[in-house]
């Protein structure tokens, strides 16, 4: 049970780090996240549009990740290989 919780926290931290890095490199992602937090501070009448805004945020994140990976393909391959090796090292 403890390992499952720590694995879940590790995955959540990795996802949060990815979003923060994308925010640092891409203004579109930064703007979408800013809009998401600004709109979440409003009244509950906008709860219905939260799904649409979340979908737009996910679309921008995916588009930005694709763009960044195309622009920095060699670096992405090194990061991917390092991630795979790290996962294999932590499994033992």
PDB file of N, CA and C in Angstrom:
ATOM      1  N   UNK A   1       0.821  -1.187   0.000  1.00  0.00           N
ATOM      2  CA  UNK A   1       0.000   0.000   0.000  1.00  0.00           C
ATOM      3  C   UNK A   1       0.871   1.258   0.000  1.00  0.00           C
ATOM      4  N   UNK A   2       1.926   1.234   0.801  1.00  0.00           N
ATOM      5  CA  UNK A   2       2.804   2.396   0.885  1.00  0.00           C
ATOM      6  C   UNK A   2       3.509   2.639  -0.446  1.00  0.00           C
ATOM      7  N   UNK A   3       3.906   1.562  -1.110  1.00  0.00           N
ATOM      8  CA  UNK A   3       4.572   1.698  -2.412  1.00  0.00           C
ATOM      9  C   UNK A   3       3.615   2.281  -3.447  1.00  0.00           C
ATOM     10  N   UNK A   4       2.353   1.891  -3.407  1.00  0.00           N
ATOM     11  CA  UNK A   4       1.368   2.414  -4.353  1.00  0.00           C
ATOM     12  C   UNK A   4       1.175   3.913  -4.164  1.00  0.00           C
ATOM     13  N   UNK A   5       1.142   4.348  -2.914  1.00  0.00           N
ATOM     14  CA  UNK A   5       0.983   5.780  -2.638  1.00  0.00           C
ATOM     15  C   UNK A   5       2.209   6.551  -3.105  1.00  0.00           C
ATOM     16  N   UNK A   6       3.388   6.028  -2.828  1.00  0.00           N
ATOM     17  CA  UNK A   6       4.601   6.729  -3.245  1.00  0.00           C
ATOM     18  C   UNK A   6       4.727   6.749  -4.767  1.00  0.00           C
ATOM     19  N   UNK A   7       4.312   5.677  -5.441  1.00  0.00           N
ATOM     20  CA  UNK A   7       4.336   5.668  -6.900  1.00  0.00           C
ATOM     21  C   UNK A   7       3.344   6.682  -7.464  1.00  0.00           C
ATOM     22  N   UNK A   8       2.186   6.797  -6.855  1.00  0.00           N
ATOM     23  CA  UNK A   8       1.198   7.778  -7.291  1.00  0.00           C
ATOM     24  C   UNK A   8       1.695   9.204  -7.111  1.00  0.00           C
ATOM     25  N   UNK A   9       2.326   9.466  -5.972  1.00  0.00           N
ATOM     26  CA  UNK A   9       2.885  10.797  -5.730  1.00  0.00           C
ATOM     27  C   UNK A   9       4.016  11.104  -6.705  1.00  0.00           C
ATOM     28  N   UNK A  10       4.841  10.116  -7.004  1.00  0.00           N
ATOM     29  CA  UNK A  10       5.929  10.296  -7.961  1.00  0.00           C
ATOM     30  C   UNK A  10       5.379  10.624  -9.343  1.00  0.00           C
ATOM     31  N   UNK A  11       4.329   9.932  -9.752  1.00  0.00           N
ATOM     32  CA  UNK A  11       3.710  10.201 -11.051  1.00  0.00           C
ATOM     33  C   UNK A  11       3.091  11.589 -11.082  1.00  0.00           C
ATOM     34  N   UNK A  12       2.421  11.986 -10.020  1.00  0.00           N
ATOM     35  CA  UNK A  12       1.815  13.321  -9.959  1.00  0.00           C
ATOM     36  C   UNK A  12       2.886  14.407 -10.014  1.00  0.00           C
ATOM     37  N   UNK A  13       3.985  14.196  -9.320  1.00  0.00           N
ATOM     38  CA  UNK A  13       5.078  15.172  -9.351  1.00  0.00           C
ATOM     39  C   UNK A  13       5.699  15.266 -10.745  1.00  0.00           C
ATOM     40  N   UNK A  14       5.848  14.138 -11.412  1.00  0.00           N
ATOM     41  CA  UNK A  14       6.405  14.145 -12.765  1.00  0.00           C
ATOM     42  C   UNK A  14       5.484  14.911 -13.714  1.00  0.00           C
ATOM     43  N   UNK A  15       4.183  14.700 -13.587  1.00  0.00           N
ATOM     44  CA  UNK A  15       3.233  15.412 -14.430  1.00  0.00           C
ATOM     45  C   UNK A  15       3.256  16.908 -14.134  1.00  0.00           C
ATOM     46  N   UNK A  16       3.318  17.272 -12.865  1.00  0.00           N
ATOM     47  CA  UNK A  16       3.385  18.679 -12.493  1.00  0.00           C
ATOM     48  C   UNK A  16       4.665  19.327 -13.023  1.00  0.00           C
ATOM     49  N   UNK A  17       5.772  18.608 -12.958  1.00  0.00           N
ATOM     50  CA  UNK A  17       7.036  19.125 -13.483  1.00  0.00           C
ATOM     51  C   UNK A  17       6.953  19.337 -14.989  1.00  0.00           C
ATOM     52  N   UNK A  18       6.313  18.410 -15.694  1.00  0.00           N
ATOM     53  CA  UNK A  18       6.146  18.552 -17.138  1.00  0.00           C
ATOM     54  C   UNK A  18       5.330  19.788 -17.471  1.00  0.00           C
ATOM     55  N   UNK A  19       4.250  20.020 -16.754  1.00  0.00           N
ATOM     56  CA  UNK A  19       3.414  21.198 -17.006  1.00  0.00           C
ATOM     57  C   UNK A  19       4.193  22.478 -16.705  1.00  0.00           C
ATOM     58  N   UNK A  20       4.952  22.480 -15.626  1.00  0.00           N
ATOM     59  CA  UNK A  20       5.745  23.669 -15.278  1.00  0.00           C
ATOM     60  C   UNK A  20       6.801  23.946 -16.346  1.00  0.00           C
ATOM     61  N   UNK A  21       7.449  22.901 -16.842  1.00  0.00           N
ATOM     62  CA  UNK A  21       8.450  23.097 -17.894  1.00  0.00           C
ATOM     63  C   UNK A  21       7.806  23.604 -19.178  1.00  0.00           C
ATOM     64  N   UNK A  22       6.653  23.063 -19.530  1.00  0.00           N
ATOM     65  CA  UNK A  22       5.967  23.553 -20.719  1.00  0.00           C
ATOM     66  C   UNK A  22       5.528  25.005 -20.535  1.00  0.00           C
ATOM     67  N   UNK A  23       5.124  25.361 -19.322  1.00  0.00           N
ATOM     68  CA  UNK A  23       4.758  26.752 -19.055  1.00  0.00           C
ATOM     69  C   UNK A  23       5.966  27.668 -19.197  1.00  0.00           C
ATOM     70  N   UNK A  24       7.132  27.180 -18.825  1.00  0.00           N
ATOM     71  CA  UNK A  24       8.332  27.998 -18.900  1.00  0.00           C
ATOM     72  C   UNK A  24       8.761  28.251 -20.345  1.00  0.00           C
ATOM     73  N   UNK A  25       8.490  27.293 -21.227  1.00  0.00           N
ATOM     74  CA  UNK A  25       8.971  27.406 -22.595  1.00  0.00           C
ATOM     75  C   UNK A  25       7.923  27.861 -23.598  1.00  0.00           C
ATOM     76  N   UNK A  26       6.652  27.787 -23.266  1.00  0.00           N
ATOM     77  CA  UNK A  26       5.615  28.096 -24.239  1.00  0.00           C
ATOM     78  C   UNK A  26       4.590  29.057 -23.644  1.00  0.00           C
ATOM     79  N   UNK A  27       4.461  30.204 -24.261  1.00  0.00           N
ATOM     80  CA  UNK A  27       3.543  31.225 -23.782  1.00  0.00           C
ATOM     81  C   UNK A  27       2.082  30.819 -23.886  1.00  0.00           C
ATOM     82  N   UNK A  28       1.751  29.976 -24.867  1.00  0.00           N
ATOM     83  CA  UNK A  28       0.361  29.538 -25.012  1.00  0.00           C
ATOM     84  C   UNK A  28      -0.073  28.714 -23.813  1.00  0.00           C
ATOM     85  N   UNK A  29       0.814  27.849 -23.342  1.00  0.00           N
ATOM     86  CA  UNK A  29       0.492  27.031 -22.169  1.00  0.00           C
ATOM     87  C   UNK A  29       0.349  27.918 -20.947  1.00  0.00           C
ATOM     88  N   UNK A  30       1.248  28.879 -20.820  1.00  0.00           N
ATOM     89  CA  UNK A  30       1.189  29.819 -19.699  1.00  0.00           C
ATOM     90  C   UNK A  30      -0.146  30.565 -19.696  1.00  0.00           C
ATOM     91  N   UNK A  31      -0.561  31.027 -20.868  1.00  0.00           N
ATOM     92  CA  UNK A  31      -1.817  31.768 -20.967  1.00  0.00           C
ATOM     93  C   UNK A  31      -3.012  30.883 -20.622  1.00  0.00           C
ATOM     94  N   UNK A  32      -3.020  29.649 -21.080  1.00  0.00           N
ATOM     95  CA  UNK A  32      -4.128  28.738 -20.784  1.00  0.00           C
ATOM     96  C   UNK A  32      -4.209  28.434 -19.288  1.00  0.00           C
ATOM     97  N   UNK A  33      -3.069  28.221 -18.658  1.00  0.00           N
ATOM     98  CA  UNK A  33      -3.066  27.943 -17.216  1.00  0.00           C
ATOM     99  C   UNK A  33      -3.528  29.174 -16.450  1.00  0.00           C
ATOM    100  N   UNK A  34      -3.076  30.345 -16.878  1.00  0.00           N
ATOM    101  CA  UNK A  34      -3.504  31.586 -16.225  1.00  0.00           C
ATOM    102  C   UNK A  34      -5.016  31.764 -16.368  1.00  0.00           C
ATOM    103  N   UNK A  35      -5.548  31.505 -17.554  1.00  0.00           N
ATOM    104  CA  UNK A  35      -6.989  31.618 -17.759  1.00  0.00           C
ATOM    105  C   UNK A  35      -7.740  30.602 -16.903  1.00  0.00           C
ATOM    106  N   UNK A  36      -7.182  29.416 -16.763  1.00  0.00           N
ATOM    107  CA  UNK A  36      -7.832  28.377 -15.958  1.00  0.00           C
ATOM    108  C   UNK A  36      -7.933  28.806 -14.497  1.00  0.00           C
ATOM    109  N   UNK A  37      -6.856  29.359 -13.945  1.00  0.00           N
ATOM    110  CA  UNK A  37      -6.881  29.784 -12.550  1.00  0.00           C
ATOM    111  C   UNK A  37      -7.739  31.022 -12.363  1.00  0.00           C
ATOM    112  N   UNK A  38      -7.729  31.942 -13.331  1.00  0.00           N
ATOM    113  CA  UNK A  38      -8.569  33.136 -13.229  1.00  0.00           C
ATOM    114  C   UNK A  38     -10.041  32.760 -13.249  1.00  0.00           C
ATOM    115  N   UNK A  39     -10.398  31.834 -14.116  1.00  0.00           N
ATOM    116  CA  UNK A  39     -11.807  31.465 -14.228  1.00  0.00           C
ATOM    117  C   UNK A  39     -12.260  30.612 -13.042  1.00  0.00           C
ATOM    118  N   UNK A  40     -11.338  29.895 -12.410  1.00  0.00           N
ATOM    119  CA  UNK A  40     -11.735  29.065 -11.272  1.00  0.00           C
ATOM    120  C   UNK A  40     -12.034  29.914 -10.041  1.00  0.00           C
ATOM    121  N   UNK A  41     -11.581  31.162 -10.024  1.00  0.00           N
ATOM    122  CA  UNK A  41     -11.840  32.039  -8.892  1.00  0.00           C
ATOM    123  C   UNK A  41     -13.227  32.676  -8.975  1.00  0.00           C
ATOM    124  N   UNK A  42     -13.902  32.545 -10.098  1.00  0.00           N
ATOM    125  CA  UNK A  42     -15.236  33.130 -10.267  1.00  0.00           C
ATOM    126  C   UNK A  42     -16.293  32.268  -9.603  1.00  0.00           C
ATOM    127  N   UNK A  43     -17.530  32.723  -9.713  1.00  0.00           N
ATOM    128  CA  UNK A  43     -18.653  32.039  -9.065  1.00  0.00           C
ATOM    129  C   UNK A  43     -18.897  30.675  -9.698  1.00  0.00           C
ATOM    130  N   UNK A  44     -19.730  29.892  -9.045  1.00  0.00           N
ATOM    131  CA  UNK A  44     -19.979  28.529  -9.494  1.00  0.00           C
ATOM    132  C   UNK A  44     -20.831  28.461 -10.754  1.00  0.00           C
ATOM    133  N   UNK A  45     -21.273  29.600 -11.273  1.00  0.00           N
ATOM    134  CA  UNK A  45     -22.066  29.584 -12.503  1.00  0.00           C
ATOM    135  C   UNK A  45     -21.240  29.146 -13.701  1.00  0.00           C
ATOM    136  N   UNK A  46     -19.940  29.186 -13.579  1.00  0.00           N
ATOM    137  CA  UNK A  46     -19.074  28.790 -14.686  1.00  0.00           C
ATOM    138  C   UNK A  46     -18.591  27.353 -14.568  1.00  0.00           C
ATOM    139  N   UNK A  47     -19.171  26.618 -13.659  1.00  0.00           N
ATOM    140  CA  UNK A  47     -18.767  25.227 -13.481  1.00  0.00           C
ATOM    141  C   UNK A  47     -19.054  24.417 -14.742  1.00  0.00           C
ATOM    142  N   UNK A  48     -20.122  24.755 -15.439  1.00  0.00           N
ATOM    143  CA  UNK A  48     -20.492  24.029 -16.646  1.00  0.00           C
ATOM    144  C   UNK A  48     -19.435  24.162 -17.735  1.00  0.00           C
ATOM    145  N   UNK A  49     -18.764  25.304 -17.776  1.00  0.00           N
ATOM    146  CA  UNK A  49     -17.756  25.502 -18.813  1.00  0.00           C
ATOM    147  C   UNK A  49     -16.372  25.003 -18.390  1.00  0.00           C
ATOM    148  N   UNK A  50     -16.256  24.481 -17.189  1.00  0.00           N
ATOM    149  CA  UNK A  50     -14.952  24.011 -16.711  1.00  0.00           C
ATOM    150  C   UNK A  50     -14.436  22.852 -17.545  1.00  0.00           C
ATOM    151  N   UNK A  51     -15.329  21.974 -17.978  1.00  0.00           N
ATOM    152  CA  UNK A  51     -14.911  20.852 -18.823  1.00  0.00           C
ATOM    153  C   UNK A  51     -14.348  21.316 -20.146  1.00  0.00           C
ATOM    154  N   UNK A  52     -14.975  22.318 -20.731  1.00  0.00           N
ATOM    155  CA  UNK A  52     -14.498  22.862 -22.005  1.00  0.00           C
ATOM    156  C   UNK A  52     -13.143  23.522 -21.809  1.00  0.00           C
ATOM    157  N   UNK A  53     -12.985  24.278 -20.740  1.00  0.00           N
ATOM    158  CA  UNK A  53     -11.713  24.939 -20.482  1.00  0.00           C
ATOM    159  C   UNK A  53     -10.612  23.923 -20.190  1.00  0.00           C
ATOM    160  N   UNK A  54     -10.944  22.872 -19.464  1.00  0.00           N
ATOM    161  CA  UNK A  54      -9.947  21.836 -19.178  1.00  0.00           C
ATOM    162  C   UNK A  54      -9.527  21.149 -20.470  1.00  0.00           C
ATOM    163  N   UNK A  55     -10.492  20.895 -21.346  1.00  0.00           N
ATOM    164  CA  UNK A  55     -10.167  20.260 -22.626  1.00  0.00           C
ATOM    165  C   UNK A  55      -9.271  21.163 -23.470  1.00  0.00           C
ATOM    166  N   UNK A  56      -9.558  22.476 -23.469  1.00  0.00           N
ATOM    167  CA  UNK A  56      -8.712  23.415 -24.198  1.00  0.00           C
ATOM    168  C   UNK A  56      -7.293  23.430 -23.629  1.00  0.00           C
ATOM    169  N   UNK A  57      -7.182  23.378 -22.305  1.00  0.00           N
ATOM    170  CA  UNK A  57      -5.876  23.349 -21.662  1.00  0.00           C
ATOM    171  C   UNK A  57      -5.113  22.088 -22.061  1.00  0.00           C
ATOM    172  N   UNK A  58      -5.791  20.949 -22.046  1.00  0.00           N
ATOM    173  CA  UNK A  58      -5.146  19.692 -22.430  1.00  0.00           C
ATOM    174  C   UNK A  58      -4.719  19.744 -23.893  1.00  0.00           C
ATOM    175  N   UNK A  59      -5.563  20.310 -24.759  1.00  0.00           N
ATOM    176  CA  UNK A  59      -5.209  20.424 -26.173  1.00  0.00           C
ATOM    177  C   UNK A  59      -3.962  21.277 -26.371  1.00  0.00           C
ATOM    178  N   UNK A  60      -3.891  22.394 -25.653  1.00  0.00           N
ATOM    179  CA  UNK A  60      -2.717  23.262 -25.773  1.00  0.00           C
ATOM    180  C   UNK A  60      -1.482  22.561 -25.225  1.00  0.00           C
ATOM    181  N   UNK A  61      -1.624  21.834 -24.113  1.00  0.00           N
ATOM    182  CA  UNK A  61      -0.483  21.099 -23.558  1.00  0.00           C
ATOM    183  C   UNK A  61       0.026  20.053 -24.537  1.00  0.00           C
ATOM    184  N   UNK A  62      -0.884  19.322 -25.157  1.00  0.00           N
ATOM    185  CA  UNK A  62      -0.478  18.291 -26.116  1.00  0.00           C
ATOM    186  C   UNK A  62       0.171  18.925 -27.338  1.00  0.00           C
ATOM    187  N   UNK A  63      -0.420  20.001 -27.845  1.00  0.00           N
ATOM    188  CA  UNK A  63       0.147  20.683 -29.004  1.00  0.00           C
ATOM    189  C   UNK A  63       1.539  21.228 -28.686  1.00  0.00           C
ATOM    190  N   UNK A  64       1.695  21.808 -27.508  1.00  0.00           N
ATOM    191  CA  UNK A  64       2.989  22.349 -27.107  1.00  0.00           C
ATOM    192  C   UNK A  64       4.026  21.244 -26.937  1.00  0.00           C
ATOM    193  N   UNK A  65       3.623  20.132 -26.334  1.00  0.00           N
ATOM    194  CA  UNK A  65       4.561  19.016 -26.165  1.00  0.00           C
ATOM    195  C   UNK A  65       5.002  18.470 -27.518  1.00  0.00           C
ATOM    196  N   UNK A  66       4.068  18.363 -28.454  1.00  0.00           N
ATOM    197  CA  UNK A  66       4.427  17.890 -29.797  1.00  0.00           C
ATOM    198  C   UNK A  66       5.383  18.862 -30.480  1.00  0.00           C
ATOM    199  N   UNK A  67       5.081  20.157 -30.374  1.00  0.00           N
ATOM    200  CA  UNK A  67       5.929  21.167 -30.994  1.00  0.00           C
ATOM    201  C   UNK A  67       7.331  21.151 -30.396  1.00  0.00           C
ATOM    202  N   UNK A  68       7.403  21.117 -29.057  1.00  0.00           N
ATOM    203  CA  UNK A  68       8.704  21.102 -28.399  1.00  0.00           C
ATOM    204  C   UNK A  68       9.485  19.833 -28.738  1.00  0.00           C
ATOM    205  N   UNK A  69       8.793  18.707 -28.826  1.00  0.00           N
ATOM    206  CA  UNK A  69       9.503  17.465 -29.135  1.00  0.00           C
ATOM    207  C   UNK A  69      10.003  17.467 -30.570  1.00  0.00           C
ATOM    208  N   UNK A  70       9.261  18.111 -31.492  1.00  0.00           N
ATOM    209  CA  UNK A  70       9.751  18.213 -32.869  1.00  0.00           C
ATOM    210  C   UNK A  70      10.945  19.147 -32.953  1.00  0.00           C
ATOM    211  N   UNK A  71      10.929  20.218 -32.197  1.00  0.00           N
ATOM    212  CA  UNK A  71      12.014  21.190 -32.247  1.00  0.00           C
ATOM    213  C   UNK A  71      13.283  20.663 -31.578  1.00  0.00           C
ATOM    214  N   UNK A  72      13.126  19.830 -30.573  1.00  0.00           N
ATOM    215  CA  UNK A  72      14.267  19.359 -29.794  1.00  0.00           C
ATOM    216  C   UNK A  72      14.311  17.832 -29.772  1.00  0.00           C
ATOM    217  N   UNK A  73      14.187  17.220 -30.928  1.00  0.00           N
ATOM    218  CA  UNK A  73      14.115  15.759 -31.020  1.00  0.00           C
ATOM    219  C   UNK A  73      15.323  15.050 -30.385  1.00  0.00           C
ATOM    220  N   UNK A  74      16.578  15.446 -30.671  1.00  0.00           N
ATOM    221  CA  UNK A  74      17.707  14.736 -30.047  1.00  0.00           C
ATOM    222  C   UNK A  74      17.681  14.815 -28.520  1.00  0.00           C
ATOM    223  N   UNK A  75      17.334  15.983 -27.990  1.00  0.00           N
ATOM    224  CA  UNK A  75      17.258  16.142 -26.541  1.00  0.00           C
ATOM    225  C   UNK A  75      16.145  15.276 -25.966  1.00  0.00           C
ATOM    226  N   UNK A  76      15.012  15.203 -26.657  1.00  0.00           N
ATOM    227  CA  UNK A  76      13.893  14.383 -26.198  1.00  0.00           C
ATOM    228  C   UNK A  76      14.283  12.906 -26.167  1.00  0.00           C
ATOM    229  N   UNK A  77      15.063  12.456 -27.135  1.00  0.00           N
ATOM    230  CA  UNK A  77      15.502  11.066 -27.147  1.00  0.00           C
ATOM    231  C   UNK A  77      16.417  10.763 -25.961  1.00  0.00           C
ATOM    232  N   UNK A  78      17.303  11.704 -25.638  1.00  0.00           N
ATOM    233  CA  UNK A  78      18.184  11.518 -24.492  1.00  0.00           C
ATOM    234  C   UNK A  78      17.374  11.494 -23.196  1.00  0.00           C
ATOM    235  N   UNK A  79      16.397  12.392 -23.075  1.00  0.00           N
ATOM    236  CA  UNK A  79      15.547  12.427 -21.880  1.00  0.00           C
ATOM    237  C   UNK A  79      14.741  11.134 -21.770  1.00  0.00           C
ATOM    238  N   UNK A  80      14.197  10.664 -22.869  1.00  0.00           N
ATOM    239  CA  UNK A  80      13.431   9.418 -22.867  1.00  0.00           C
ATOM    240  C   UNK A  80      14.314   8.236 -22.455  1.00  0.00           C
ATOM    241  N   UNK A  81      15.504   8.155 -23.023  1.00  0.00           N
ATOM    242  CA  UNK A  81      16.417   7.064 -22.661  1.00  0.00           C
ATOM    243  C   UNK A  81      16.804   7.156 -21.185  1.00  0.00           C
ATOM    244  N   UNK A  82      17.068   8.360 -20.696  1.00  0.00           N
ATOM    245  CA  UNK A  82      17.410   8.531 -19.286  1.00  0.00           C
ATOM    246  C   UNK A  82      16.252   8.155 -18.372  1.00  0.00           C
ATOM    247  N   UNK A  83      15.047   8.480 -18.790  1.00  0.00           N
ATOM    248  CA  UNK A  83      13.870   8.129 -17.995  1.00  0.00           C
ATOM    249  C   UNK A  83      13.689   6.625 -17.925  1.00  0.00           C
ATOM    250  N   UNK A  84      13.833   5.963 -19.063  1.00  0.00           N
ATOM    251  CA  UNK A  84      13.702   4.498 -19.093  1.00  0.00           C
ATOM    252  C   UNK A  84      14.769   3.852 -18.224  1.00  0.00           C
ATOM    253  N   UNK A  85      16.004   4.328 -18.327  1.00  0.00           N
ATOM    254  CA  UNK A  85      17.078   3.760 -17.510  1.00  0.00           C
ATOM    255  C   UNK A  85      16.825   4.007 -16.027  1.00  0.00           C
ATOM    256  N   UNK A  86      16.339   5.177 -15.676  1.00  0.00           N
ATOM    257  CA  UNK A  86      16.032   5.477 -14.286  1.00  0.00           C
ATOM    258  C   UNK A  86      14.935   4.568 -13.750  1.00  0.00           C
ATOM    259  N   UNK A  87      13.920   4.350 -14.552  1.00  0.00           N
ATOM    260  CA  UNK A  87      12.831   3.459 -14.136  1.00  0.00           C
ATOM    261  C   UNK A  87      13.356   2.050 -13.889  1.00  0.00           C
ATOM    262  N   UNK A  88      14.204   1.568 -14.795  1.00  0.00           N
ATOM    263  CA  UNK A  88      14.768   0.233 -14.592  1.00  0.00           C
ATOM    264  C   UNK A  88      15.672   0.156 -13.369  1.00  0.00           C
ATOM    265  N   UNK A  89      16.395   1.251 -13.075  1.00  0.00           N
ATOM    266  CA  UNK A  89      17.258   1.247 -11.893  1.00  0.00           C
ATOM    267  C   UNK A  89      16.444   1.261 -10.607  1.00  0.00           C
ATOM    268  N   UNK A  90      15.310   1.973 -10.607  1.00  0.00           N
ATOM    269  CA  UNK A  90      14.493   2.063  -9.411  1.00  0.00           C
ATOM    270  C   UNK A  90      13.657   0.810  -9.155  1.00  0.00           C
ATOM    271  N   UNK A  91      13.461  -0.012 -10.160  1.00  0.00           N
ATOM    272  CA  UNK A  91      12.657  -1.220 -10.011  1.00  0.00           C
ATOM    273  C   UNK A  91      13.368  -2.302  -9.179  1.00  0.00           C
ATOM    274  N   UNK A  92      14.678  -2.254  -9.101  1.00  0.00           N
ATOM    275  CA  UNK A  92      15.402  -3.306  -8.373  1.00  0.00           C
ATOM    276  C   UNK A  92      15.574  -3.006  -6.926  1.00  0.00           C
TER     277      UNK A  92
END
